[in-house]
C-alpha atoms as a PDB file:
ATOM      1  CA  UNK A   1      20.290 -66.557 -21.389  1.00  0.00           C
ATOM      2  CA  UNK A   2      23.820 -66.936 -20.121  1.00  0.00           C
ATOM      3  CA  UNK A   3      25.507 -65.652 -16.985  1.00  0.00           C
ATOM      4  CA  UNK A   4      27.829 -62.656 -17.228  1.00  0.00           C
ATOM      5  CA  UNK A   5      30.001 -64.189 -14.510  1.00  0.00           C
ATOM      6  CA  UNK A   6      30.331 -67.459 -16.397  1.00  0.00           C
ATOM      7  CA  UNK A   7      31.134 -65.593 -19.603  1.00  0.00           C
ATOM      8  CA  UNK A   8      33.973 -63.767 -17.886  1.00  0.00           C
ATOM      9  CA  UNK A   9      35.291 -66.999 -16.391  1.00  0.00           C
ATOM     10  CA  UNK A  10      35.296 -68.701 -19.767  1.00  0.00           C
ATOM     11  CA  UNK A  11      37.073 -65.835 -21.468  1.00  0.00           C
ATOM     12  CA  UNK A  12      39.683 -65.915 -18.706  1.00  0.00           C
ATOM     13  CA  UNK A  13      40.348 -69.633 -18.851  1.00  0.00           C
ATOM     14  CA  UNK A  14      40.111 -69.915 -22.657  1.00  0.00           C
ATOM     15  CA  UNK A  15      39.281 -73.579 -22.219  1.00  0.00           C
ATOM     16  CA  UNK A  16      35.493 -73.605 -21.992  1.00  0.00           C
ATOM     17  CA  UNK A  17      32.717 -72.403 -24.295  1.00  0.00           C
ATOM     18  CA  UNK A  18      30.184 -69.988 -22.855  1.00  0.00           C
ATOM     19  CA  UNK A  19      27.510 -71.520 -20.676  1.00  0.00           C
ATOM     20  CA  UNK A  20      23.929 -70.721 -19.567  1.00  0.00           C
ATOM     21  CA  UNK A  21      21.338 -72.099 -17.024  1.00  0.00           C
ATOM     22  CA  UNK A  22      17.857 -71.740 -15.703  1.00  0.00           C
ATOM     23  CA  UNK A  23      14.182 -71.856 -16.479  1.00  0.00           C
ATOM     24  CA  UNK A  24      13.645 -69.280 -19.120  1.00  0.00           C
ATOM     25  CA  UNK A  25      15.739 -69.079 -22.258  1.00  0.00           C
ATOM     26  CA  UNK A  26      18.621 -67.021 -23.584  1.00  0.00           C
ATOM     27  CA  UNK A  27      22.382 -66.690 -24.259  1.00  0.00           C
ATOM     28  CA  UNK A  28      25.197 -64.353 -25.404  1.00  0.00           C
ATOM     29  CA  UNK A  29      27.538 -63.339 -28.226  1.00  0.00           C
ATOM     30  CA  UNK A  30      30.729 -61.627 -29.222  1.00  0.00           C
ATOM     31  CA  UNK A  31      29.162 -58.823 -31.224  1.00  0.00           C
ATOM     32  CA  UNK A  32      31.333 -59.104 -34.336  1.00  0.00           C
ATOM     33  CA  UNK A  33      28.850 -58.855 -37.174  1.00  0.00           C
ATOM     34  CA  UNK A  34      31.336 -58.489 -40.008  1.00  0.00           C
ATOM     35  CA  UNK A  35      31.614 -61.391 -42.451  1.00  0.00           C
ATOM     36  CA  UNK A  36      35.009 -62.445 -41.130  1.00  0.00           C
ATOM     37  CA  UNK A  37      35.575 -64.179 -37.839  1.00  0.00           C
ATOM     38  CA  UNK A  38      37.938 -61.619 -36.321  1.00  0.00           C
ATOM     39  CA  UNK A  39      37.006 -60.297 -32.883  1.00  0.00           C
ATOM     40  CA  UNK A  40      38.487 -57.957 -30.343  1.00  0.00           C
ATOM     41  CA  UNK A  41      40.249 -59.416 -27.338  1.00  0.00           C
ATOM     42  CA  UNK A  42      37.120 -58.923 -25.235  1.00  0.00           C
ATOM     43  CA  UNK A  43      34.893 -60.755 -27.706  1.00  0.00           C
ATOM     44  CA  UNK A  44      33.177 -57.589 -28.976  1.00  0.00           C
ATOM     45  CA  UNK A  45      33.715 -55.633 -32.165  1.00  0.00           C
ATOM     46  CA  UNK A  46      35.394 -52.305 -31.502  1.00  0.00           C
ATOM     47  CA  UNK A  47      34.018 -48.921 -32.534  1.00  0.00           C
ATOM     48  CA  UNK A  48      36.596 -48.786 -35.322  1.00  0.00           C
ATOM     49  CA  UNK A  49      36.032 -52.307 -36.660  1.00  0.00           C
ATOM     50  CA  UNK A  50      33.861 -52.364 -39.791  1.00  0.00           C
ATOM     51  CA  UNK A  51      32.368 -49.807 -42.102  1.00  0.00           C
ATOM     52  CA  UNK A  52      30.452 -47.925 -39.412  1.00  0.00           C
ATOM     53  CA  UNK A  53      31.001 -47.097 -35.764  1.00  0.00           C
ATOM     54  CA  UNK A  54      29.634 -49.622 -33.318  1.00  0.00           C
ATOM     55  CA  UNK A  55      29.811 -51.287 -29.956  1.00  0.00           C
ATOM     56  CA  UNK A  56      31.880 -49.615 -27.246  1.00  0.00           C
ATOM     57  CA  UNK A  57      33.137 -52.934 -25.898  1.00  0.00           C
ATOM     58  CA  UNK A  58      31.424 -52.537 -22.503  1.00  0.00           C
ATOM     59  CA  UNK A  59      29.092 -55.412 -21.635  1.00  0.00           C
ATOM     60  CA  UNK A  60      26.978 -53.067 -19.520  1.00  0.00           C
ATOM     61  CA  UNK A  61      27.032 -50.181 -21.939  1.00  0.00           C
ATOM     62  CA  UNK A  62      25.607 -49.483 -25.375  1.00  0.00           C
ATOM     63  CA  UNK A  63      26.297 -47.826 -28.662  1.00  0.00           C
ATOM     64  CA  UNK A  64      28.065 -44.471 -28.784  1.00  0.00           C
ATOM     65  CA  UNK A  65      25.587 -41.604 -29.073  1.00  0.00           C
ATOM     66  CA  UNK A  66      24.481 -41.239 -32.674  1.00  0.00           C
ATOM     67  CA  UNK A  67      26.309 -44.359 -33.829  1.00  0.00           C
ATOM     68  CA  UNK A  68      24.671 -47.249 -35.601  1.00  0.00           C
ATOM     69  CA  UNK A  69      25.592 -50.920 -35.122  1.00  0.00           C
ATOM     70  CA  UNK A  70      27.912 -52.478 -37.647  1.00  0.00           C
ATOM     71  CA  UNK A  71      25.857 -54.486 -40.138  1.00  0.00           C
ATOM     72  CA  UNK A  72      28.422 -55.188 -42.823  1.00  0.00           C
ATOM     73  CA  UNK A  73      27.301 -58.072 -45.000  1.00  0.00           C
ATOM     74  CA  UNK A  74      23.993 -58.629 -43.168  1.00  0.00           C
ATOM     75  CA  UNK A  75      20.862 -57.991 -45.189  1.00  0.00           C
ATOM     76  CA  UNK A  76      18.265 -55.640 -43.744  1.00  0.00           C
ATOM     77  CA  UNK A  77      14.702 -56.792 -43.185  1.00  0.00           C
ATOM     78  CA  UNK A  78      11.610 -54.980 -41.965  1.00  0.00           C
ATOM     79  CA  UNK A  79       9.342 -55.185 -38.966  1.00  0.00           C
ATOM     80  CA  UNK A  80       7.659 -58.480 -38.143  1.00  0.00           C
ATOM     81  CA  UNK A  81       4.131 -57.320 -37.418  1.00  0.00           C
ATOM     82  CA  UNK A  82       1.469 -57.164 -40.137  1.00  0.00           C
ATOM     83  CA  UNK A  83      -1.721 -55.832 -38.512  1.00  0.00           C
ATOM     84  CA  UNK A  84      -3.290 -55.020 -41.874  1.00  0.00           C
ATOM     85  CA  UNK A  85      -3.194 -58.745 -42.681  1.00  0.00           C
ATOM     86  CA  UNK A  86      -4.474 -59.775 -39.261  1.00  0.00           C
ATOM     87  CA  UNK A  87      -1.087 -61.197 -38.202  1.00  0.00           C
ATOM     88  CA  UNK A  88      -1.690 -64.759 -39.474  1.00  0.00           C
ATOM     89  CA  UNK A  89       0.359 -67.733 -38.302  1.00  0.00           C
ATOM     90  CA  UNK A  90       3.176 -68.799 -40.593  1.00  0.00           C
ATOM     91  CA  UNK A  91       4.341 -72.377 -40.879  1.00  0.00           C
ATOM     92  CA  UNK A  92       6.848 -73.448 -38.288  1.00  0.00           C
ATOM     93  CA  UNK A  93       5.231 -71.611 -35.390  1.00  0.00           C
ATOM     94  CA  UNK A  94       3.492 -74.431 -33.542  1.00  0.00           C
ATOM     95  CA  UNK A  95       6.358 -75.856 -31.477  1.00  0.00           C
ATOM     96  CA  UNK A  96       8.894 -74.565 -28.959  1.00  0.00           C
ATOM     97  CA  UNK A  97      12.139 -73.447 -30.622  1.00  0.00           C
ATOM     98  CA  UNK A  98      15.442 -73.434 -28.760  1.00  0.00           C
ATOM     99  CA  UNK A  99      18.825 -71.821 -29.346  1.00  0.00           C
ATOM    100  CA  UNK A 100      22.163 -73.307 -28.355  1.00  0.00           C
ATOM    101  CA  UNK A 101      25.065 -71.406 -26.828  1.00  0.00           C
ATOM    102  CA  UNK A 102      26.995 -71.783 -30.104  1.00  0.00           C
ATOM    103  CA  UNK A 103      24.255 -70.629 -32.445  1.00  0.00           C
ATOM    104  CA  UNK A 104      22.283 -73.649 -33.615  1.00  0.00           C
ATOM    105  CA  UNK A 105      18.490 -73.747 -33.869  1.00  0.00           C
ATOM    106  CA  UNK A 106      16.428 -76.739 -32.784  1.00  0.00           C
ATOM    107  CA  UNK A 107      12.746 -77.456 -32.283  1.00  0.00           C
ATOM    108  CA  UNK A 108      11.280 -79.086 -29.193  1.00  0.00           C
ATOM    109  CA  UNK A 109       7.952 -80.909 -29.399  1.00  0.00           C
ATOM    110  CA  UNK A 110       6.289 -80.828 -25.955  1.00  0.00           C
ATOM    111  CA  UNK A 111       3.915 -83.656 -26.878  1.00  0.00           C
ATOM    112  CA  UNK A 112       6.690 -86.144 -27.593  1.00  0.00           C
ATOM    113  CA  UNK A 113       9.517 -84.537 -25.620  1.00  0.00           C
ATOM    114  CA  UNK A 114      11.775 -84.809 -28.674  1.00  0.00           C
ATOM    115  CA  UNK A 115      14.278 -82.366 -30.197  1.00  0.00           C
ATOM    116  CA  UNK A 116      14.991 -81.875 -33.916  1.00  0.00           C
ATOM    117  CA  UNK A 117      17.860 -79.946 -35.457  1.00  0.00           C
ATOM    118  CA  UNK A 118      16.829 -77.080 -37.759  1.00  0.00           C
ATOM    119  CA  UNK A 119      20.023 -75.288 -38.807  1.00  0.00           C
ATOM    120  CA  UNK A 120      23.125 -73.487 -37.710  1.00  0.00           C
ATOM    121  CA  UNK A 121      23.039 -69.690 -37.901  1.00  0.00           C
ATOM    122  CA  UNK A 122      25.409 -67.625 -40.019  1.00  0.00           C
ATOM    123  CA  UNK A 123      25.417 -64.107 -38.611  1.00  0.00           C
ATOM    124  CA  UNK A 124      28.512 -62.294 -39.829  1.00  0.00           C
ATOM    125  CA  UNK A 125      30.989 -64.269 -37.741  1.00  0.00           C
ATOM    126  CA  UNK A 126      29.222 -63.900 -34.387  1.00  0.00           C
ATOM    127  CA  UNK A 127      29.123 -67.104 -32.377  1.00  0.00           C
ATOM    128  CA  UNK A 128      27.905 -66.510 -28.811  1.00  0.00           C
ATOM    129  CA  UNK A 129      24.149 -66.186 -28.506  1.00  0.00           C
ATOM    130  CA  UNK A 130      22.303 -64.593 -25.591  1.00  0.00           C
ATOM    131  CA  UNK A 131      18.522 -64.946 -26.001  1.00  0.00           C
ATOM    132  CA  UNK A 132      15.715 -65.601 -28.476  1.00  0.00           C
ATOM    133  CA  UNK A 133      12.037 -64.951 -29.216  1.00  0.00           C
ATOM    134  CA  UNK A 134       9.866 -66.324 -32.038  1.00  0.00           C
ATOM    135  CA  UNK A 135       7.233 -64.320 -33.914  1.00  0.00           C
ATOM    136  CA  UNK A 136       3.992 -65.370 -35.593  1.00  0.00           C
ATOM    137  CA  UNK A 137       5.757 -64.774 -38.903  1.00  0.00           C
ATOM    138  CA  UNK A 138       8.067 -67.720 -38.235  1.00  0.00           C
ATOM    139  CA  UNK A 139      11.124 -65.633 -37.476  1.00  0.00           C
ATOM    140  CA  UNK A 140      13.512 -66.303 -34.634  1.00  0.00           C
ATOM    141  CA  UNK A 141      14.723 -63.019 -33.148  1.00  0.00           C
ATOM    142  CA  UNK A 142      18.192 -63.675 -31.774  1.00  0.00           C
ATOM    143  CA  UNK A 143      20.293 -61.490 -29.506  1.00  0.00           C
ATOM    144  CA  UNK A 144      24.065 -61.713 -29.230  1.00  0.00           C
ATOM    145  CA  UNK A 145      26.261 -60.356 -26.451  1.00  0.00           C
ATOM    146  CA  UNK A 146      26.624 -56.986 -28.184  1.00  0.00           C
ATOM    147  CA  UNK A 147      22.934 -56.384 -27.428  1.00  0.00           C
ATOM    148  CA  UNK A 148      21.864 -56.197 -31.065  1.00  0.00           C
ATOM    149  CA  UNK A 149      19.030 -58.242 -32.568  1.00  0.00           C
ATOM    150  CA  UNK A 150      19.034 -60.279 -35.745  1.00  0.00           C
ATOM    151  CA  UNK A 151      16.409 -62.507 -37.330  1.00  0.00           C
ATOM    152  CA  UNK A 152      16.417 -65.842 -39.102  1.00  0.00           C
ATOM    153  CA  UNK A 153      13.555 -67.502 -40.957  1.00  0.00           C
ATOM    154  CA  UNK A 154      12.596 -70.784 -39.311  1.00  0.00           C
ATOM    155  CA  UNK A 155      11.228 -71.968 -42.651  1.00  0.00           C
ATOM    156  CA  UNK A 156      14.451 -71.297 -44.548  1.00  0.00           C
ATOM    157  CA  UNK A 157      15.753 -74.681 -45.708  1.00  0.00           C
ATOM    158  CA  UNK A 158      19.368 -73.459 -45.833  1.00  0.00           C
ATOM    159  CA  UNK A 159      22.003 -74.744 -43.435  1.00  0.00           C
ATOM    160  CA  UNK A 160      23.542 -72.582 -42.233  1.00  0.00           C
ATOM    161  CA  UNK A 161      20.700 -70.090 -42.423  1.00  0.00           C
ATOM    162  CA  UNK A 162      21.661 -66.463 -43.024  1.00  0.00           C
ATOM    163  CA  UNK A 163      20.588 -63.891 -40.453  1.00  0.00           C
ATOM    164  CA  UNK A 164      19.070 -60.522 -41.309  1.00  0.00           C
ATOM    165  CA  UNK A 165      19.139 -57.185 -39.509  1.00  0.00           C
ATOM    166  CA  UNK A 166      15.708 -55.736 -38.612  1.00  0.00           C
ATOM    167  CA  UNK A 167      17.247 -52.361 -37.704  1.00  0.00           C
ATOM    168  CA  UNK A 168      17.136 -52.463 -33.893  1.00  0.00           C
ATOM    169  CA  UNK A 169      19.617 -50.136 -32.146  1.00  0.00           C
ATOM    170  CA  UNK A 170      20.725 -51.247 -28.633  1.00  0.00           C
ATOM    171  CA  UNK A 171      21.043 -47.993 -26.695  1.00  0.00           C
ATOM    172  CA  UNK A 172      18.938 -48.398 -23.518  1.00  0.00           C
ATOM    173  CA  UNK A 173      21.131 -48.695 -20.368  1.00  0.00           C
ATOM    174  CA  UNK A 174      18.488 -50.776 -18.571  1.00  0.00           C
ATOM    175  CA  UNK A 175      18.647 -53.357 -21.369  1.00  0.00           C
ATOM    176  CA  UNK A 176      22.314 -53.931 -22.298  1.00  0.00           C
ATOM    177  CA  UNK A 177      21.085 -57.453 -23.036  1.00  0.00           C
ATOM    178  CA  UNK A 178      17.642 -58.838 -22.319  1.00  0.00           C
ATOM    179  CA  UNK A 179      15.466 -61.886 -22.094  1.00  0.00           C
ATOM    180  CA  UNK A 180      12.594 -61.612 -24.544  1.00  0.00           C
ATOM    181  CA  UNK A 181       9.301 -63.017 -25.765  1.00  0.00           C
ATOM    182  CA  UNK A 182       6.512 -62.170 -28.157  1.00  0.00           C
ATOM    183  CA  UNK A 183       3.124 -61.625 -26.501  1.00  0.00           C
ATOM    184  CA  UNK A 184      -0.238 -61.188 -28.228  1.00  0.00           C
ATOM    185  CA  UNK A 185      -1.991 -57.879 -27.699  1.00  0.00           C
ATOM    186  CA  UNK A 186      -5.073 -59.653 -26.322  1.00  0.00           C
ATOM    187  CA  UNK A 187      -7.302 -62.687 -26.721  1.00  0.00           C
ATOM    188  CA  UNK A 188      -9.124 -60.883 -29.530  1.00  0.00           C
ATOM    189  CA  UNK A 189      -6.065 -59.246 -31.117  1.00  0.00           C
ATOM    190  CA  UNK A 190      -3.461 -61.834 -32.147  1.00  0.00           C
ATOM    191  CA  UNK A 191      -0.914 -59.266 -33.356  1.00  0.00           C
ATOM    192  CA  UNK A 192       2.039 -59.364 -30.996  1.00  0.00           C
ATOM    193  CA  UNK A 193       4.905 -57.277 -29.661  1.00  0.00           C
ATOM    194  CA  UNK A 194       8.363 -58.239 -28.455  1.00  0.00           C
ATOM    195  CA  UNK A 195       8.805 -57.697 -24.702  1.00  0.00           C
ATOM    196  CA  UNK A 196      12.131 -57.428 -22.878  1.00  0.00           C
ATOM    197  CA  UNK A 197      13.454 -58.176 -19.372  1.00  0.00           C
ATOM    198  CA  UNK A 198      16.687 -56.554 -18.169  1.00  0.00           C
ATOM    199  CA  UNK A 199      19.787 -58.744 -18.459  1.00  0.00           C
ATOM    200  CA  UNK A 200      22.259 -56.810 -16.299  1.00  0.00           C
ATOM    201  CA  UNK A 201      23.484 -59.177 -13.571  1.00  0.00           C
ATOM    202  CA  UNK A 202      22.196 -62.373 -11.915  1.00  0.00           C
ATOM    203  CA  UNK A 203      22.998 -60.998  -8.435  1.00  0.00           C
ATOM    204  CA  UNK A 204      21.259 -57.650  -8.837  1.00  0.00           C
ATOM    205  CA  UNK A 205      17.961 -57.672  -6.944  1.00  0.00           C
ATOM    206  CA  UNK A 206      16.139 -54.837  -5.204  1.00  0.00           C
ATOM    207  CA  UNK A 207      13.573 -52.094  -5.807  1.00  0.00           C
ATOM    208  CA  UNK A 208      13.532 -51.060  -9.484  1.00  0.00           C
ATOM    209  CA  UNK A 209      17.024 -52.397 -10.277  1.00  0.00           C
ATOM    210  CA  UNK A 210      15.654 -53.997 -13.445  1.00  0.00           C
ATOM    211  CA  UNK A 211      12.969 -53.201 -15.954  1.00  0.00           C
ATOM    212  CA  UNK A 212      10.357 -54.591 -18.279  1.00  0.00           C
ATOM    213  CA  UNK A 213      10.289 -53.104 -21.751  1.00  0.00           C
ATOM    214  CA  UNK A 214       8.532 -53.432 -25.084  1.00  0.00           C
ATOM    215  CA  UNK A 215       9.783 -52.980 -28.631  1.00  0.00           C
ATOM    216  CA  UNK A 216       7.565 -51.045 -31.034  1.00  0.00           C
ATOM    217  CA  UNK A 217       6.833 -53.439 -33.927  1.00  0.00           C
ATOM    218  CA  UNK A 218       7.198 -50.693 -36.548  1.00  0.00           C
ATOM    219  CA  UNK A 219       9.995 -48.419 -35.292  1.00  0.00           C
ATOM    220  CA  UNK A 220      11.812 -51.150 -33.268  1.00  0.00           C
ATOM    221  CA  UNK A 221      12.355 -48.622 -30.479  1.00  0.00           C
ATOM    222  CA  UNK A 222      12.692 -50.198 -27.019  1.00  0.00           C
ATOM    223  CA  UNK A 223      10.800 -48.340 -24.305  1.00  0.00           C
ATOM    224  CA  UNK A 224      10.516 -49.071 -20.581  1.00  0.00           C
ATOM    225  CA  UNK A 225       7.161 -50.216 -19.204  1.00  0.00           C
ATOM    226  CA  UNK A 226       8.117 -50.243 -15.518  1.00  0.00           C
ATOM    227  CA  UNK A 227      10.933 -50.834 -13.084  1.00  0.00           C
ATOM    228  CA  UNK A 228      11.030 -54.294 -11.495  1.00  0.00           C
ATOM    229  CA  UNK A 229      12.995 -55.852  -8.637  1.00  0.00           C
ATOM    230  CA  UNK A 230      15.087 -58.232 -10.761  1.00  0.00           C
ATOM    231  CA  UNK A 231      17.841 -57.210 -13.186  1.00  0.00           C
ATOM    232  CA  UNK A 232      18.196 -60.713 -14.653  1.00  0.00           C
ATOM    233  CA  UNK A 233      15.425 -62.821 -16.122  1.00  0.00           C
ATOM    234  CA  UNK A 234      13.720 -64.448 -19.046  1.00  0.00           C
ATOM    235  CA  UNK A 235      10.256 -63.997 -20.564  1.00  0.00           C
ATOM    236  CA  UNK A 236       7.626 -66.047 -22.321  1.00  0.00           C
ATOM    237  CA  UNK A 237       4.204 -65.015 -23.576  1.00  0.00           C
ATOM    238  CA  UNK A 238       0.896 -66.397 -24.768  1.00  0.00           C
ATOM    239  CA  UNK A 239      -1.596 -65.905 -27.563  1.00  0.00           C
ATOM    240  CA  UNK A 240      -4.093 -64.662 -24.986  1.00  0.00           C
ATOM    241  CA  UNK A 241      -1.876 -61.743 -23.945  1.00  0.00           C
ATOM    242  CA  UNK A 242      -0.233 -63.078 -20.772  1.00  0.00           C
ATOM    243  CA  UNK A 243       3.399 -62.286 -19.903  1.00  0.00           C
ATOM    244  CA  UNK A 244       5.545 -64.448 -17.606  1.00  0.00           C
ATOM    245  CA  UNK A 245       9.083 -64.053 -16.259  1.00  0.00           C
ATOM    246  CA  UNK A 246      11.547 -66.512 -14.824  1.00  0.00           C
ATOM    247  CA  UNK A 247      13.759 -64.612 -12.398  1.00  0.00           C
ATOM    248  CA  UNK A 248      15.299 -64.567  -8.940  1.00  0.00           C
ATOM    249  CA  UNK A 249      17.135 -67.257  -7.024  1.00  0.00           C
ATOM    250  CA  UNK A 250      16.884 -69.291  -3.809  1.00  0.00           C
ATOM    251  CA  UNK A 251      14.227 -70.057  -4.904  1.00  0.00           C
ATOM    252  CA  UNK A 252      13.730 -69.039  -8.495  1.00  0.00           C
ATOM    253  CA  UNK A 253      10.373 -67.461  -9.230  1.00  0.00           C
ATOM    254  CA  UNK A 254       7.768 -67.702 -11.950  1.00  0.00           C
ATOM    255  CA  UNK A 255       6.147 -64.270 -12.065  1.00  0.00           C
ATOM    256  CA  UNK A 256       3.184 -63.153 -14.139  1.00  0.00           C
ATOM    257  CA  UNK A 257       3.264 -59.455 -15.012  1.00  0.00           C
ATOM    258  CA  UNK A 258       0.639 -57.126 -16.400  1.00  0.00           C
ATOM    259  CA  UNK A 259       2.308 -56.376 -19.723  1.00  0.00           C
ATOM    260  CA  UNK A 260       0.829 -52.869 -19.874  1.00  0.00           C
ATOM    261  CA  UNK A 261       1.825 -51.652 -16.399  1.00  0.00           C
ATOM    262  CA  UNK A 262       4.464 -54.050 -15.064  1.00  0.00           C
ATOM    263  CA  UNK A 263       2.281 -54.808 -12.029  1.00  0.00           C
ATOM    264  CA  UNK A 264       2.762 -58.281 -10.527  1.00  0.00           C
ATOM    265  CA  UNK A 265      -0.275 -60.510 -11.035  1.00  0.00           C
ATOM    266  CA  UNK A 266       0.993 -63.691  -9.397  1.00  0.00           C
ATOM    267  CA  UNK A 267       4.207 -65.350  -8.170  1.00  0.00           C
ATOM    268  CA  UNK A 268       5.000 -69.061  -7.993  1.00  0.00           C
ATOM    269  CA  UNK A 269       8.242 -70.220  -6.280  1.00  0.00           C
ATOM    270  CA  UNK A 270      10.253 -72.836  -8.162  1.00  0.00           C
ATOM    271  CA  UNK A 271      12.371 -74.572  -5.522  1.00  0.00           C
ATOM    272  CA  UNK A 272      15.376 -76.438  -6.849  1.00  0.00           C
ATOM    273  CA  UNK A 273      15.702 -74.395 -10.049  1.00  0.00           C
ATOM    274  CA  UNK A 274      18.240 -71.639 -10.666  1.00  0.00           C
ATOM    275  CA  UNK A 275      18.642 -68.744 -13.095  1.00  0.00           C
ATOM    276  CA  UNK A 276      22.203 -67.511 -12.695  1.00  0.00           C
ATOM    277  CA  UNK A 277      23.755 -69.546 -15.504  1.00  0.00           C
ATOM    278  CA  UNK A 278      22.198 -70.903 -18.738  1.00  0.00           C
ATOM    279  CA  UNK A 279      18.430 -70.925 -18.725  1.00  0.00           C
ATOM    280  CA  UNK A 280      15.346 -70.597 -20.906  1.00  0.00           C
ATOM    281  CA  UNK A 281      11.640 -71.375 -20.765  1.00  0.00           C
ATOM    282  CA  UNK A 282       8.467 -71.328 -22.830  1.00  0.00           C
ATOM    283  CA  UNK A 283       4.708 -71.525 -22.388  1.00  0.00           C
ATOM    284  CA  UNK A 284       2.987 -74.236 -24.453  1.00  0.00           C
ATOM    285  CA  UNK A 285      -0.435 -75.839 -24.085  1.00  0.00           C
ATOM    286  CA  UNK A 286      -1.158 -74.283 -20.693  1.00  0.00           C
ATOM    287  CA  UNK A 287       2.108 -75.484 -19.146  1.00  0.00           C
ATOM    288  CA  UNK A 288       5.726 -74.352 -18.951  1.00  0.00           C
ATOM    289  CA  UNK A 289       8.803 -76.094 -20.330  1.00  0.00           C
ATOM    290  CA  UNK A 290      12.016 -75.019 -18.638  1.00  0.00           C
ATOM    291  CA  UNK A 291      15.573 -75.579 -19.842  1.00  0.00           C
ATOM    292  CA  UNK A 292      18.382 -75.296 -17.301  1.00  0.00           C
ATOM    293  CA  UNK A 293      22.089 -76.016 -17.117  1.00  0.00           C
ATOM    294  CA  UNK A 294      23.907 -75.475 -13.833  1.00  0.00           C
ATOM    295  CA  UNK A 295      27.532 -75.215 -12.778  1.00  0.00           C
ATOM    296  CA  UNK A 296      30.707 -73.732 -14.204  1.00  0.00           C
ATOM    297  CA  UNK A 297      31.257 -76.450 -16.794  1.00  0.00           C
ATOM    298  CA  UNK A 298      29.526 -76.930 -20.103  1.00  0.00           C
ATOM    299  CA  UNK A 299      26.677 -79.416 -19.779  1.00  0.00           C
ATOM    300  CA  UNK A 300      23.620 -79.999 -21.901  1.00  0.00           C
ATOM    301  CA  UNK A 301      20.418 -78.543 -20.517  1.00  0.00           C
ATOM    302  CA  UNK A 302      17.871 -80.424 -18.469  1.00  0.00           C
ATOM    303  CA  UNK A 303      14.244 -80.161 -19.547  1.00  0.00           C
ATOM    304  CA  UNK A 304      11.621 -79.581 -16.862  1.00  0.00           C
ATOM    305  CA  UNK A 305       7.833 -79.586 -17.159  1.00  0.00           C
ATOM    306  CA  UNK A 306       5.631 -77.456 -14.912  1.00  0.00           C
ATOM    307  CA  UNK A 307       1.972 -78.512 -14.885  1.00  0.00           C
ATOM    308  CA  UNK A 308       0.936 -74.892 -14.479  1.00  0.00           C
ATOM    309  CA  UNK A 309      -2.738 -75.303 -15.356  1.00  0.00           C
ATOM    310  CA  UNK A 310      -2.917 -78.500 -13.248  1.00  0.00           C
ATOM    311  CA  UNK A 311      -4.406 -80.339 -16.225  1.00  0.00           C
ATOM    312  CA  UNK A 312      -2.570 -83.454 -15.064  1.00  0.00           C
ATOM    313  CA  UNK A 313      -4.115 -83.081 -11.595  1.00  0.00           C
ATOM    314  CA  UNK A 314      -0.598 -82.862 -10.174  1.00  0.00           C
ATOM    315  CA  UNK A 315      -0.920 -79.785  -7.948  1.00  0.00           C
ATOM    316  CA  UNK A 316       1.387 -77.844 -10.312  1.00  0.00           C
ATOM    317  CA  UNK A 317       4.148 -80.445 -10.098  1.00  0.00           C
ATOM    318  CA  UNK A 318       7.585 -79.652 -11.527  1.00  0.00           C
ATOM    319  CA  UNK A 319       8.998 -82.760 -13.234  1.00  0.00           C
ATOM    320  CA  UNK A 320      12.327 -83.509 -14.901  1.00  0.00           C
ATOM    321  CA  UNK A 321      11.527 -84.835 -18.386  1.00  0.00           C
ATOM    322  CA  UNK A 322      14.812 -85.413 -20.175  1.00  0.00           C
ATOM    323  CA  UNK A 323      18.181 -83.960 -21.130  1.00  0.00           C
ATOM    324  CA  UNK A 324      18.516 -81.791 -24.215  1.00  0.00           C
ATOM    325  CA  UNK A 325      21.167 -82.554 -26.868  1.00  0.00           C
ATOM    326  CA  UNK A 326      22.502 -78.987 -26.520  1.00  0.00           C
ATOM    327  CA  UNK A 327      23.152 -76.282 -23.938  1.00  0.00           C
ATOM    328  CA  UNK A 328      20.144 -73.990 -24.327  1.00  0.00           C
ATOM    329  CA  UNK A 329      20.377 -70.222 -23.860  1.00  0.00           C
ATOM    330  CA  UNK A 330      17.143 -69.227 -25.556  1.00  0.00           C
ATOM    331  CA  UNK A 331      13.672 -70.658 -25.999  1.00  0.00           C
ATOM    332  CA  UNK A 332      11.071 -69.055 -28.201  1.00  0.00           C
ATOM    333  CA  UNK A 333       7.430 -69.905 -28.663  1.00  0.00           C
ATOM    334  CA  UNK A 334       5.162 -67.938 -30.963  1.00  0.00           C
ATOM    335  CA  UNK A 335       1.728 -66.737 -29.933  1.00  0.00           C
ATOM    336  CA  UNK A 336       0.399 -69.280 -32.459  1.00  0.00           C
ATOM    337  CA  UNK A 337       1.318 -72.112 -30.088  1.00  0.00           C
ATOM    338  CA  UNK A 338      -1.612 -73.955 -28.454  1.00  0.00           C
ATOM    339  CA  UNK A 339      -2.896 -71.921 -25.475  1.00  0.00           C
ATOM    340  CA  UNK A 340      -4.834 -74.802 -23.920  1.00  0.00           C
ATOM    341  CA  UNK A 341      -3.818 -78.285 -22.724  1.00  0.00           C
ATOM    342  CA  UNK A 342      -2.930 -80.721 -25.495  1.00  0.00           C
END
């Protein structure tokens, strides 16, 4: 995820690429999903650009009533959930997958702490990513700054890899953009859903200023679960049905939510970490891996490890592991990832 304030600064100066920071993962985009690289002055496609009406150009708004997003040149694909097949794990779902601020996909292996390049993304000329989740089917669900979602196959050997349009329509004012994660239905039901956390403004905190939402795996309709006190945050989920958010500042917070009601289950302060710029995070093997980049200038993300389950007998220590080779705005981990310490 990337800060709205930083995005505006970068557009104004014209000298810096967009930048993110924090503990959970996601980024932003310009919203031009035509096959050419032309964009409006504000970085978004206008309602008259392309074969169909589209984005209004307002970062806090949505699609005009009744309009559909422009999808010229982007192949359609269906929903990602296959309950009739038991939602098996595809290849390429066992690691943490991260998304750069300029649209490249990498894997991160928590056991070795190493990164590996997968591919650049070709998504109709869009370049600025906002957030990402990864499904059991081996698809990375990527959001750009126009609020729309596209998918790429992590097992596609192409480079760049072509994105597809699952048919999501961004029209919910509480979710102009959002942090996201797939979460299993339960320990006994591995089929998952894509959950969303409002991405309105890093400074917006207070009663019900933000929201948790869930996307129906068949209709792709985004509905609100509950109002929450943070309008800026990232999500990660587990194969046992747990939902976590990275949100807040001074200090940042790791919050576990009941995914059905939005009730807070537990809160863990994360002193020294921030979430107002580029940030992402993922659950893997009982612990959390957090990717943060601070400041107004483009810097590669730092990688932090939180011994959440205390399997290292560290009293839930937060440790700086390494620096990533990219600036990370999204981190996705499927519900096929190991739920227990490795």
